[in-house]
N, C-alpha and C. Protein backbone atom coordinates (compact mmCIF):
# COMPACT_ATOMS: atom_id res chain seq x y z
N MET A 1 -18.03 5.28 8.90
CA MET A 1 -17.81 5.52 7.48
C MET A 1 -16.69 4.61 6.97
N ARG A 2 -16.91 3.94 5.83
CA ARG A 2 -15.92 3.06 5.25
C ARG A 2 -14.86 3.85 4.49
N SER A 3 -13.64 3.34 4.54
CA SER A 3 -12.55 3.97 3.82
C SER A 3 -11.77 2.89 3.07
N VAL A 4 -11.27 3.27 1.90
CA VAL A 4 -10.48 2.35 1.08
C VAL A 4 -9.08 2.93 0.89
N ILE A 5 -8.08 2.12 1.17
CA ILE A 5 -6.68 2.50 0.97
C ILE A 5 -6.12 1.60 -0.13
N SER A 6 -5.71 2.19 -1.23
CA SER A 6 -5.15 1.42 -2.35
C SER A 6 -3.63 1.53 -2.34
N VAL A 7 -2.97 0.38 -2.32
CA VAL A 7 -1.51 0.33 -2.38
C VAL A 7 -1.12 0.01 -3.82
N VAL A 8 -0.48 0.96 -4.48
CA VAL A 8 -0.24 0.84 -5.92
C VAL A 8 1.23 1.08 -6.26
N GLN A 9 1.64 0.56 -7.39
CA GLN A 9 2.96 0.80 -7.98
C GLN A 9 3.00 0.07 -9.31
N ARG A 10 3.37 0.77 -10.36
CA ARG A 10 3.42 0.13 -11.69
C ARG A 10 4.47 -0.96 -11.77
N LYS A 11 5.53 -0.82 -10.98
CA LYS A 11 6.63 -1.78 -11.03
C LYS A 11 6.45 -2.83 -9.94
N GLY A 12 6.70 -4.08 -10.28
CA GLY A 12 6.69 -5.13 -9.28
C GLY A 12 7.93 -5.07 -8.41
N GLY A 13 7.85 -5.70 -7.25
CA GLY A 13 9.01 -5.80 -6.37
C GLY A 13 9.27 -4.61 -5.48
N ALA A 14 8.35 -3.66 -5.42
CA ALA A 14 8.54 -2.47 -4.59
C ALA A 14 8.07 -2.68 -3.16
N GLY A 15 7.38 -3.79 -2.91
CA GLY A 15 6.94 -4.07 -1.55
C GLY A 15 5.50 -3.72 -1.26
N LYS A 16 4.65 -3.75 -2.29
CA LYS A 16 3.24 -3.42 -2.07
C LYS A 16 2.59 -4.34 -1.04
N THR A 17 2.83 -5.64 -1.19
CA THR A 17 2.20 -6.59 -0.28
C THR A 17 2.68 -6.39 1.15
N THR A 18 3.97 -6.20 1.33
CA THR A 18 4.51 -5.97 2.67
C THR A 18 3.89 -4.73 3.29
N ILE A 19 3.77 -3.67 2.52
CA ILE A 19 3.17 -2.44 3.03
C ILE A 19 1.70 -2.66 3.34
N ALA A 20 0.97 -3.34 2.46
CA ALA A 20 -0.46 -3.55 2.67
C ALA A 20 -0.73 -4.35 3.95
N ILE A 21 -0.04 -5.47 4.12
CA ILE A 21 -0.26 -6.31 5.29
C ILE A 21 0.24 -5.62 6.56
N SER A 22 1.39 -4.99 6.49
CA SER A 22 1.94 -4.33 7.68
C SER A 22 1.09 -3.15 8.11
N LEU A 23 0.61 -2.37 7.15
CA LEU A 23 -0.28 -1.25 7.47
C LEU A 23 -1.58 -1.77 8.07
N ALA A 24 -2.13 -2.83 7.49
CA ALA A 24 -3.35 -3.42 8.04
C ALA A 24 -3.13 -3.87 9.48
N GLY A 25 -1.98 -4.48 9.74
CA GLY A 25 -1.68 -4.93 11.09
C GLY A 25 -1.58 -3.78 12.08
N ASP A 26 -0.94 -2.69 11.67
CA ASP A 26 -0.82 -1.55 12.58
C ASP A 26 -2.17 -0.91 12.84
N LEU A 27 -3.00 -0.80 11.81
CA LEU A 27 -4.34 -0.25 12.01
C LEU A 27 -5.18 -1.17 12.89
N TYR A 28 -5.02 -2.47 12.72
CA TYR A 28 -5.74 -3.43 13.58
C TYR A 28 -5.34 -3.23 15.04
N ARG A 29 -4.06 -3.07 15.29
CA ARG A 29 -3.59 -2.86 16.66
C ARG A 29 -4.15 -1.58 17.27
N ARG A 30 -4.53 -0.65 16.42
CA ARG A 30 -5.11 0.61 16.89
C ARG A 30 -6.63 0.52 17.04
N GLY A 31 -7.18 -0.66 16.86
CA GLY A 31 -8.60 -0.87 17.09
C GLY A 31 -9.48 -0.73 15.86
N MET A 32 -8.87 -0.63 14.67
CA MET A 32 -9.64 -0.51 13.45
C MET A 32 -10.14 -1.89 12.99
N LEU A 33 -11.32 -1.90 12.39
CA LEU A 33 -11.84 -3.11 11.74
C LEU A 33 -11.32 -3.11 10.31
N VAL A 34 -10.33 -3.94 10.05
CA VAL A 34 -9.58 -3.89 8.79
C VAL A 34 -9.78 -5.18 8.00
N ASP A 35 -9.84 -5.05 6.69
CA ASP A 35 -9.71 -6.22 5.83
C ASP A 35 -8.82 -5.87 4.65
N VAL A 36 -8.18 -6.88 4.08
CA VAL A 36 -7.26 -6.70 2.96
C VAL A 36 -7.82 -7.42 1.74
N ILE A 37 -7.78 -6.74 0.61
CA ILE A 37 -8.16 -7.32 -0.67
C ILE A 37 -6.89 -7.60 -1.48
N ASP A 38 -6.70 -8.85 -1.86
CA ASP A 38 -5.59 -9.22 -2.74
C ASP A 38 -6.12 -9.22 -4.17
N ALA A 39 -5.77 -8.18 -4.91
CA ALA A 39 -6.23 -8.04 -6.30
C ALA A 39 -5.18 -8.49 -7.30
N ASP A 40 -4.04 -8.95 -6.81
CA ASP A 40 -2.91 -9.31 -7.67
C ASP A 40 -2.95 -10.81 -7.98
N PRO A 41 -2.90 -11.20 -9.25
CA PRO A 41 -2.87 -12.63 -9.60
C PRO A 41 -1.70 -13.40 -8.97
N GLN A 42 -0.65 -12.70 -8.57
CA GLN A 42 0.48 -13.38 -7.92
C GLN A 42 0.11 -13.89 -6.53
N ARG A 43 -0.96 -13.34 -5.92
CA ARG A 43 -1.54 -13.85 -4.68
C ARG A 43 -0.60 -13.77 -3.48
N SER A 44 0.27 -12.79 -3.44
CA SER A 44 1.23 -12.72 -2.34
C SER A 44 0.55 -12.48 -1.00
N ALA A 45 -0.43 -11.59 -0.97
CA ALA A 45 -1.14 -11.32 0.29
C ALA A 45 -1.92 -12.56 0.73
N ALA A 46 -2.54 -13.25 -0.22
CA ALA A 46 -3.28 -14.47 0.11
C ALA A 46 -2.35 -15.54 0.65
N GLU A 47 -1.16 -15.66 0.08
CA GLU A 47 -0.19 -16.63 0.57
C GLU A 47 0.28 -16.27 1.98
N TRP A 48 0.45 -14.97 2.24
CA TRP A 48 0.84 -14.52 3.58
C TRP A 48 -0.23 -14.95 4.59
N ALA A 49 -1.49 -14.84 4.19
CA ALA A 49 -2.59 -15.14 5.10
C ALA A 49 -2.92 -16.62 5.19
N ALA A 50 -2.37 -17.44 4.29
CA ALA A 50 -2.77 -18.84 4.19
C ALA A 50 -2.64 -19.64 5.49
N PRO A 51 -1.61 -19.42 6.31
CA PRO A 51 -1.53 -20.19 7.57
C PRO A 51 -2.63 -19.86 8.58
N GLY A 52 -3.38 -18.78 8.35
CA GLY A 52 -4.48 -18.44 9.23
C GLY A 52 -4.07 -17.75 10.51
N ARG A 53 -2.92 -17.08 10.52
CA ARG A 53 -2.41 -16.45 11.74
C ARG A 53 -2.56 -14.93 11.75
N LEU A 54 -3.08 -14.36 10.68
CA LEU A 54 -3.31 -12.92 10.67
C LEU A 54 -4.63 -12.61 11.38
N PRO A 55 -4.72 -11.47 12.07
CA PRO A 55 -5.94 -11.17 12.85
C PRO A 55 -7.03 -10.48 12.04
N PHE A 56 -6.89 -10.46 10.73
CA PHE A 56 -7.89 -9.83 9.87
C PHE A 56 -8.05 -10.68 8.61
N ARG A 57 -9.11 -10.41 7.89
CA ARG A 57 -9.42 -11.20 6.69
C ARG A 57 -8.62 -10.69 5.48
N VAL A 58 -8.12 -11.63 4.69
CA VAL A 58 -7.52 -11.32 3.39
C VAL A 58 -8.34 -12.07 2.35
N SER A 59 -8.98 -11.32 1.45
CA SER A 59 -9.85 -11.90 0.43
C SER A 59 -9.25 -11.70 -0.95
N GLU A 60 -9.38 -12.70 -1.80
CA GLU A 60 -8.90 -12.59 -3.18
C GLU A 60 -10.01 -12.04 -4.06
N VAL A 61 -9.78 -10.86 -4.60
CA VAL A 61 -10.71 -10.24 -5.55
C VAL A 61 -9.86 -9.78 -6.73
N PRO A 62 -9.48 -10.68 -7.64
CA PRO A 62 -8.56 -10.33 -8.72
C PRO A 62 -9.15 -9.29 -9.66
N LEU A 63 -8.28 -8.40 -10.10
CA LEU A 63 -8.67 -7.35 -11.04
C LEU A 63 -8.27 -7.77 -12.45
N GLN A 64 -9.24 -7.83 -13.34
CA GLN A 64 -8.99 -8.21 -14.73
C GLN A 64 -9.28 -7.03 -15.64
N TYR A 65 -8.57 -6.98 -16.77
CA TYR A 65 -8.77 -5.90 -17.73
C TYR A 65 -10.23 -5.87 -18.20
N GLY A 66 -10.77 -4.65 -18.23
CA GLY A 66 -12.14 -4.47 -18.69
C GLY A 66 -13.20 -4.76 -17.66
N GLN A 67 -12.80 -5.10 -16.43
CA GLN A 67 -13.77 -5.47 -15.39
C GLN A 67 -13.71 -4.53 -14.19
N ALA A 68 -13.21 -3.31 -14.38
CA ALA A 68 -13.01 -2.41 -13.24
C ALA A 68 -14.32 -2.06 -12.54
N GLY A 69 -15.41 -1.92 -13.29
CA GLY A 69 -16.68 -1.56 -12.68
C GLY A 69 -17.20 -2.64 -11.75
N ASN A 70 -17.22 -3.88 -12.23
CA ASN A 70 -17.66 -5.00 -11.39
C ASN A 70 -16.73 -5.19 -10.19
N TRP A 71 -15.44 -5.04 -10.44
CA TRP A 71 -14.45 -5.17 -9.37
C TRP A 71 -14.68 -4.11 -8.30
N ALA A 72 -14.95 -2.88 -8.71
CA ALA A 72 -15.19 -1.79 -7.75
C ALA A 72 -16.40 -2.09 -6.87
N ASN A 73 -17.43 -2.67 -7.45
CA ASN A 73 -18.61 -3.02 -6.65
C ASN A 73 -18.27 -4.06 -5.58
N LEU A 74 -17.41 -5.01 -5.92
CA LEU A 74 -16.99 -6.00 -4.94
C LEU A 74 -16.16 -5.36 -3.83
N ILE A 75 -15.31 -4.40 -4.19
CA ILE A 75 -14.50 -3.71 -3.19
C ILE A 75 -15.40 -2.96 -2.22
N ARG A 76 -16.39 -2.29 -2.75
CA ARG A 76 -17.27 -1.48 -1.90
C ARG A 76 -18.11 -2.34 -0.95
N SER A 77 -18.26 -3.61 -1.25
CA SER A 77 -19.05 -4.49 -0.39
C SER A 77 -18.19 -5.21 0.65
N ALA A 78 -16.90 -4.91 0.71
CA ALA A 78 -16.02 -5.55 1.70
C ALA A 78 -16.48 -5.18 3.11
N PRO A 79 -16.28 -6.09 4.08
CA PRO A 79 -16.89 -5.90 5.40
C PRO A 79 -16.19 -4.91 6.32
N GLY A 80 -14.93 -4.63 6.14
CA GLY A 80 -14.19 -3.82 7.10
C GLY A 80 -14.56 -2.35 7.06
N SER A 81 -14.26 -1.63 8.15
CA SER A 81 -14.41 -0.18 8.12
C SER A 81 -13.26 0.45 7.34
N ILE A 82 -12.12 -0.26 7.27
CA ILE A 82 -11.01 0.15 6.42
C ILE A 82 -10.61 -1.04 5.55
N THR A 83 -10.67 -0.86 4.24
CA THR A 83 -10.26 -1.89 3.29
C THR A 83 -8.97 -1.46 2.63
N ILE A 84 -7.97 -2.34 2.67
CA ILE A 84 -6.67 -2.07 2.05
C ILE A 84 -6.52 -3.00 0.85
N ILE A 85 -6.23 -2.41 -0.31
CA ILE A 85 -6.13 -3.19 -1.55
C ILE A 85 -4.66 -3.35 -1.95
N ASP A 86 -4.23 -4.59 -2.12
CA ASP A 86 -2.91 -4.91 -2.67
C ASP A 86 -3.10 -5.16 -4.16
N THR A 87 -2.55 -4.28 -4.99
CA THR A 87 -2.88 -4.26 -6.41
C THR A 87 -1.80 -4.88 -7.29
N PRO A 88 -2.16 -5.29 -8.51
CA PRO A 88 -1.17 -5.76 -9.48
C PRO A 88 -0.30 -4.60 -9.98
N PRO A 89 0.89 -4.91 -10.50
CA PRO A 89 1.80 -3.85 -10.96
C PRO A 89 1.59 -3.47 -12.42
N HIS A 90 0.47 -2.80 -12.71
CA HIS A 90 0.29 -2.27 -14.06
C HIS A 90 -0.63 -1.05 -14.01
N GLU A 91 -0.62 -0.28 -15.09
CA GLU A 91 -1.30 1.02 -15.09
C GLU A 91 -2.82 0.87 -14.97
N TYR A 92 -3.38 -0.16 -15.57
CA TYR A 92 -4.83 -0.36 -15.47
C TYR A 92 -5.24 -0.53 -14.01
N ALA A 93 -4.44 -1.27 -13.26
CA ALA A 93 -4.73 -1.47 -11.84
C ALA A 93 -4.63 -0.17 -11.06
N VAL A 94 -3.66 0.66 -11.41
CA VAL A 94 -3.53 1.95 -10.74
C VAL A 94 -4.80 2.76 -10.93
N GLY A 95 -5.28 2.86 -12.16
CA GLY A 95 -6.49 3.63 -12.42
C GLY A 95 -7.70 3.09 -11.70
N ALA A 96 -7.88 1.77 -11.74
CA ALA A 96 -9.04 1.16 -11.08
C ALA A 96 -8.97 1.32 -9.57
N ALA A 97 -7.77 1.19 -9.00
CA ALA A 97 -7.62 1.29 -7.55
C ALA A 97 -7.79 2.72 -7.06
N VAL A 98 -7.29 3.68 -7.81
CA VAL A 98 -7.47 5.09 -7.43
C VAL A 98 -8.94 5.48 -7.53
N ALA A 99 -9.66 4.90 -8.48
CA ALA A 99 -11.07 5.24 -8.66
C ALA A 99 -11.92 4.89 -7.45
N VAL A 100 -11.51 3.89 -6.67
CA VAL A 100 -12.30 3.49 -5.49
C VAL A 100 -11.66 3.93 -4.18
N ALA A 101 -10.51 4.60 -4.24
CA ALA A 101 -9.73 4.87 -3.03
C ALA A 101 -10.09 6.19 -2.37
N ASP A 102 -9.97 6.20 -1.06
CA ASP A 102 -9.97 7.44 -0.28
C ASP A 102 -8.54 7.91 -0.04
N VAL A 103 -7.61 6.97 -0.01
CA VAL A 103 -6.19 7.25 0.18
C VAL A 103 -5.41 6.29 -0.71
N VAL A 104 -4.31 6.80 -1.30
CA VAL A 104 -3.41 5.96 -2.09
C VAL A 104 -2.06 5.90 -1.39
N VAL A 105 -1.49 4.71 -1.32
CA VAL A 105 -0.15 4.50 -0.76
C VAL A 105 0.73 3.93 -1.87
N LEU A 106 1.87 4.58 -2.09
CA LEU A 106 2.76 4.22 -3.20
C LEU A 106 4.16 3.94 -2.68
N PRO A 107 4.54 2.67 -2.53
CA PRO A 107 5.89 2.35 -2.05
C PRO A 107 6.93 2.49 -3.15
N CYS A 108 8.15 2.83 -2.73
CA CYS A 108 9.25 2.99 -3.68
C CYS A 108 10.55 2.61 -2.98
N THR A 109 11.29 1.67 -3.54
CA THR A 109 12.59 1.32 -2.98
C THR A 109 13.65 2.29 -3.53
N PRO A 110 14.80 2.38 -2.85
CA PRO A 110 15.83 3.32 -3.30
C PRO A 110 16.63 2.81 -4.50
N SER A 111 15.97 2.72 -5.64
CA SER A 111 16.64 2.33 -6.88
C SER A 111 16.16 3.24 -8.00
N GLY A 112 17.02 3.42 -8.99
CA GLY A 112 16.65 4.26 -10.11
C GLY A 112 15.43 3.73 -10.85
N LEU A 113 15.33 2.41 -10.99
CA LEU A 113 14.18 1.82 -11.67
C LEU A 113 12.89 2.12 -10.92
N ASP A 114 12.92 1.99 -9.59
CA ASP A 114 11.72 2.26 -8.80
C ASP A 114 11.34 3.74 -8.85
N LEU A 115 12.34 4.61 -8.83
CA LEU A 115 12.04 6.05 -8.90
C LEU A 115 11.38 6.40 -10.23
N SER A 116 11.88 5.84 -11.32
CA SER A 116 11.27 6.08 -12.62
C SER A 116 9.84 5.54 -12.66
N ALA A 117 9.65 4.34 -12.13
CA ALA A 117 8.31 3.75 -12.10
C ALA A 117 7.38 4.55 -11.20
N THR A 118 7.92 5.12 -10.13
CA THR A 118 7.10 5.93 -9.23
C THR A 118 6.62 7.19 -9.94
N GLU A 119 7.48 7.82 -10.71
CA GLU A 119 7.07 9.00 -11.47
C GLU A 119 5.95 8.63 -12.45
N GLU A 120 6.09 7.49 -13.12
CA GLU A 120 5.06 7.04 -14.06
C GLU A 120 3.76 6.71 -13.32
N THR A 121 3.88 6.12 -12.14
CA THR A 121 2.69 5.79 -11.35
C THR A 121 1.97 7.04 -10.89
N ILE A 122 2.73 8.05 -10.50
CA ILE A 122 2.12 9.32 -10.08
C ILE A 122 1.36 9.95 -11.25
N SER A 123 1.90 9.84 -12.45
CA SER A 123 1.18 10.35 -13.63
C SER A 123 -0.13 9.59 -13.83
N ALA A 124 -0.11 8.28 -13.63
CA ALA A 124 -1.33 7.48 -13.75
C ALA A 124 -2.33 7.84 -12.66
N ILE A 125 -1.83 8.11 -11.46
CA ILE A 125 -2.70 8.53 -10.36
C ILE A 125 -3.34 9.87 -10.68
N ALA A 126 -2.55 10.79 -11.22
CA ALA A 126 -3.08 12.11 -11.56
C ALA A 126 -4.18 12.01 -12.61
N PHE A 127 -3.99 11.13 -13.59
CA PHE A 127 -5.03 10.95 -14.60
C PHE A 127 -6.30 10.38 -13.97
N ALA A 128 -6.15 9.39 -13.09
CA ALA A 128 -7.32 8.81 -12.42
C ALA A 128 -8.00 9.83 -11.52
N ARG A 129 -7.21 10.68 -10.86
CA ARG A 129 -7.78 11.74 -10.03
C ARG A 129 -8.64 12.68 -10.86
N SER A 130 -8.19 12.97 -12.07
CA SER A 130 -8.90 13.93 -12.92
C SER A 130 -10.29 13.44 -13.30
N LYS A 131 -10.54 12.15 -13.16
CA LYS A 131 -11.84 11.57 -13.49
C LYS A 131 -12.81 11.60 -12.31
N ARG A 132 -12.31 12.07 -11.15
CA ARG A 132 -13.13 12.06 -9.94
C ARG A 132 -13.40 13.49 -9.48
N ASP A 133 -14.49 13.64 -8.72
CA ASP A 133 -14.82 14.95 -8.16
C ASP A 133 -13.93 15.28 -6.96
N ALA A 134 -13.56 14.25 -6.19
CA ALA A 134 -12.79 14.46 -4.96
C ALA A 134 -11.31 14.18 -5.20
N ASP A 135 -10.46 14.93 -4.48
CA ASP A 135 -9.03 14.66 -4.52
C ASP A 135 -8.76 13.36 -3.76
N VAL A 136 -7.68 12.69 -4.12
CA VAL A 136 -7.29 11.45 -3.44
C VAL A 136 -5.86 11.64 -2.93
N PRO A 137 -5.68 11.84 -1.63
CA PRO A 137 -4.32 12.03 -1.10
C PRO A 137 -3.45 10.81 -1.38
N THR A 138 -2.20 11.07 -1.75
CA THR A 138 -1.26 10.00 -2.06
C THR A 138 -0.05 10.11 -1.16
N PHE A 139 0.30 8.99 -0.51
CA PHE A 139 1.46 8.93 0.37
C PHE A 139 2.55 8.10 -0.30
N LEU A 140 3.71 8.70 -0.47
CA LEU A 140 4.87 7.99 -0.99
C LEU A 140 5.63 7.38 0.19
N VAL A 141 5.93 6.09 0.08
CA VAL A 141 6.58 5.38 1.19
C VAL A 141 7.96 4.89 0.74
N PRO A 142 9.04 5.52 1.22
CA PRO A 142 10.37 4.96 0.95
C PRO A 142 10.47 3.59 1.63
N ASN A 143 10.68 2.55 0.85
CA ASN A 143 10.59 1.19 1.38
C ASN A 143 11.90 0.44 1.18
N ARG A 144 12.18 -0.49 2.10
CA ARG A 144 13.41 -1.28 2.09
C ARG A 144 14.64 -0.37 2.07
N VAL A 145 14.63 0.61 2.95
CA VAL A 145 15.68 1.62 2.98
C VAL A 145 16.79 1.19 3.94
N ASP A 146 18.02 1.26 3.47
CA ASP A 146 19.20 1.07 4.33
C ASP A 146 19.85 2.44 4.50
N PRO A 147 19.71 3.06 5.68
CA PRO A 147 20.22 4.43 5.86
C PRO A 147 21.74 4.53 5.81
N ARG A 148 22.42 3.39 5.81
CA ARG A 148 23.89 3.42 5.73
C ARG A 148 24.37 3.66 4.30
N THR A 149 23.50 3.49 3.33
CA THR A 149 23.89 3.65 1.94
C THR A 149 23.55 5.05 1.43
N LEU A 150 24.24 5.47 0.39
CA LEU A 150 23.96 6.77 -0.22
C LEU A 150 22.54 6.79 -0.76
N GLU A 151 22.12 5.70 -1.40
CA GLU A 151 20.77 5.63 -1.96
C GLU A 151 19.72 5.74 -0.85
N GLY A 152 19.98 5.09 0.27
CA GLY A 152 19.05 5.17 1.38
C GLY A 152 18.94 6.56 1.96
N GLN A 153 20.03 7.29 1.92
CA GLN A 153 20.04 8.66 2.44
C GLN A 153 19.37 9.64 1.48
N GLN A 154 19.37 9.32 0.20
CA GLN A 154 18.86 10.25 -0.81
C GLN A 154 17.40 10.02 -1.19
N ILE A 155 16.83 8.86 -0.83
CA ILE A 155 15.51 8.50 -1.34
C ILE A 155 14.42 9.47 -0.90
N VAL A 156 14.47 9.94 0.34
CA VAL A 156 13.42 10.85 0.81
C VAL A 156 13.46 12.15 0.03
N ASP A 157 14.65 12.69 -0.19
CA ASP A 157 14.77 13.93 -0.96
C ASP A 157 14.28 13.72 -2.39
N ALA A 158 14.62 12.58 -2.98
CA ALA A 158 14.19 12.31 -4.35
C ALA A 158 12.68 12.24 -4.45
N LEU A 159 12.04 11.59 -3.48
CA LEU A 159 10.58 11.48 -3.50
C LEU A 159 9.92 12.81 -3.18
N SER A 160 10.57 13.63 -2.37
CA SER A 160 9.99 14.92 -2.00
C SER A 160 9.83 15.85 -3.20
N ASP A 161 10.61 15.59 -4.24
CA ASP A 161 10.54 16.42 -5.44
C ASP A 161 9.34 16.07 -6.33
N LEU A 162 8.58 15.03 -5.97
CA LEU A 162 7.52 14.54 -6.84
C LEU A 162 6.15 15.13 -6.52
N GLY A 163 6.07 15.97 -5.49
CA GLY A 163 4.84 16.72 -5.25
C GLY A 163 3.77 16.02 -4.44
N GLU A 164 4.08 14.88 -3.84
CA GLU A 164 3.11 14.16 -3.00
C GLU A 164 3.63 14.11 -1.56
N ILE A 165 2.80 13.58 -0.66
CA ILE A 165 3.19 13.45 0.74
C ILE A 165 4.19 12.31 0.88
N VAL A 166 5.32 12.57 1.54
CA VAL A 166 6.34 11.55 1.74
C VAL A 166 6.34 11.12 3.21
N CYS A 167 6.18 9.82 3.45
CA CYS A 167 6.18 9.28 4.81
C CYS A 167 7.61 8.98 5.26
N ASN A 168 7.74 8.70 6.55
CA ASN A 168 9.02 8.24 7.07
C ASN A 168 9.40 6.91 6.42
N PRO A 169 10.68 6.65 6.24
CA PRO A 169 11.10 5.43 5.55
C PRO A 169 10.76 4.16 6.32
N ILE A 170 10.52 3.09 5.56
CA ILE A 170 10.40 1.74 6.11
C ILE A 170 11.73 1.05 5.83
N ALA A 171 12.38 0.57 6.88
CA ALA A 171 13.73 0.03 6.74
C ALA A 171 13.72 -1.35 6.09
N SER A 172 14.86 -1.71 5.54
CA SER A 172 15.06 -3.06 5.02
C SER A 172 15.37 -3.97 6.21
N ARG A 173 14.41 -4.83 6.57
CA ARG A 173 14.54 -5.67 7.77
C ARG A 173 14.17 -7.12 7.44
N LEU A 174 14.94 -8.04 7.99
CA LEU A 174 14.60 -9.45 7.85
C LEU A 174 13.28 -9.79 8.53
N ALA A 175 12.88 -8.99 9.50
CA ALA A 175 11.63 -9.26 10.22
C ALA A 175 10.43 -9.29 9.28
N TYR A 176 10.45 -8.45 8.25
CA TYR A 176 9.34 -8.46 7.28
C TYR A 176 9.35 -9.75 6.46
N VAL A 177 10.53 -10.18 6.05
CA VAL A 177 10.66 -11.42 5.28
C VAL A 177 10.21 -12.61 6.12
N ARG A 178 10.65 -12.64 7.36
CA ARG A 178 10.30 -13.76 8.24
C ARG A 178 8.81 -13.76 8.58
N ALA A 179 8.22 -12.58 8.70
CA ALA A 179 6.79 -12.50 8.98
C ALA A 179 5.99 -13.12 7.84
N PHE A 180 6.39 -12.83 6.60
CA PHE A 180 5.72 -13.44 5.44
C PHE A 180 5.85 -14.96 5.49
N SER A 181 7.06 -15.45 5.75
CA SER A 181 7.29 -16.90 5.76
C SER A 181 6.47 -17.60 6.83
N ALA A 182 6.28 -16.93 7.98
CA ALA A 182 5.54 -17.53 9.09
C ALA A 182 4.04 -17.24 9.04
N GLY A 183 3.63 -16.35 8.15
CA GLY A 183 2.22 -16.00 8.05
C GLY A 183 1.72 -15.16 9.21
N ILE A 184 2.62 -14.33 9.77
CA ILE A 184 2.26 -13.50 10.92
C ILE A 184 2.56 -12.03 10.60
N LEU A 185 2.18 -11.15 11.51
CA LEU A 185 2.51 -9.74 11.36
C LEU A 185 3.95 -9.50 11.80
N PRO A 186 4.64 -8.55 11.16
CA PRO A 186 5.99 -8.21 11.62
C PRO A 186 5.94 -7.61 13.02
N LYS A 187 6.93 -7.95 13.84
CA LYS A 187 6.94 -7.53 15.23
C LYS A 187 8.23 -6.78 15.55
N GLY A 188 8.17 -6.01 16.66
CA GLY A 188 9.34 -5.30 17.14
C GLY A 188 9.07 -3.83 17.33
N GLN A 189 9.76 -3.24 18.30
CA GLN A 189 9.54 -1.83 18.61
C GLN A 189 9.89 -0.93 17.43
N ALA A 190 11.02 -1.22 16.78
CA ALA A 190 11.44 -0.39 15.66
C ALA A 190 10.42 -0.45 14.53
N ILE A 191 9.86 -1.63 14.29
CA ILE A 191 8.84 -1.78 13.25
C ILE A 191 7.59 -1.01 13.62
N SER A 192 7.17 -1.09 14.88
CA SER A 192 5.98 -0.36 15.32
C SER A 192 6.16 1.14 15.12
N ILE A 193 7.35 1.64 15.42
CA ILE A 193 7.62 3.07 15.28
C ILE A 193 7.56 3.49 13.81
N GLU A 194 8.20 2.71 12.93
CA GLU A 194 8.21 3.14 11.53
C GLU A 194 6.86 2.95 10.86
N LEU A 195 6.09 1.94 11.26
CA LEU A 195 4.75 1.79 10.70
C LEU A 195 3.81 2.89 11.18
N ALA A 196 4.04 3.38 12.40
CA ALA A 196 3.24 4.51 12.89
C ALA A 196 3.44 5.74 12.02
N GLY A 197 4.63 5.87 11.42
CA GLY A 197 4.90 6.99 10.53
C GLY A 197 4.10 6.94 9.25
N LEU A 198 3.50 5.79 8.96
CA LEU A 198 2.59 5.66 7.82
C LEU A 198 1.13 5.68 8.27
N SER A 199 0.80 4.87 9.27
CA SER A 199 -0.60 4.73 9.66
C SER A 199 -1.17 6.00 10.27
N GLU A 200 -0.39 6.74 11.04
CA GLU A 200 -0.93 7.94 11.69
C GLU A 200 -1.32 9.03 10.69
N PRO A 201 -0.46 9.38 9.73
CA PRO A 201 -0.92 10.37 8.74
C PRO A 201 -2.06 9.88 7.86
N VAL A 202 -2.10 8.58 7.57
CA VAL A 202 -3.22 8.03 6.80
C VAL A 202 -4.52 8.17 7.59
N LEU A 203 -4.49 7.85 8.87
CA LEU A 203 -5.68 7.98 9.71
C LEU A 203 -6.13 9.43 9.83
N GLU A 204 -5.18 10.35 9.88
CA GLU A 204 -5.53 11.78 9.94
C GLU A 204 -6.31 12.19 8.70
N VAL A 205 -5.88 11.71 7.54
CA VAL A 205 -6.57 12.05 6.30
C VAL A 205 -7.96 11.42 6.27
N ILE A 206 -8.05 10.17 6.70
CA ILE A 206 -9.35 9.48 6.70
C ILE A 206 -10.33 10.19 7.63
N ALA A 207 -9.83 10.68 8.76
CA ALA A 207 -10.70 11.31 9.75
C ALA A 207 -11.10 12.73 9.37
N SER A 208 -10.39 13.34 8.43
CA SER A 208 -10.65 14.75 8.09
C SER A 208 -11.85 14.89 7.15
């Protein structure tokens, strides 16, 4: 059975591309047939994949206003058993991505601007959910977290008040930045552990 994971956030700079590629990599390591759709005109996921060193396909399927139906048909024809969509940072994209998703992943950095945008994104997700017969589980991912800071310590509690599933934090690490620059997957034991805190609950939902 095919599954679609949409990575969404109304605000840019929250780390959607990093989460999409890193999650795809962790699922690939677990034996999943994964592909990534870059729907963002900024093409960050496509640029990450450009050197040809990722073990899965990244395809550009840009989402344009008024074209959600045609775009959804292209998403459904993707070859992987799990398709992960890296979306543009606007409300129209949130609605279109939730409409085709089995799971939604919403990254949020520990900043007031990101928290406000996350609340707005959750409202957009709720509206898109109301148009569907099935519920769409949403995972909030505290991203680029420095646990030494007050903001890093408070982000999980702040997200827990928003009524969705909160995953373990993804730390602020140079390894993610360097992985993008080299066109490879992020590596390291600590990274594997924290990505498992996202991929394992997502897989549980997909399997249920």
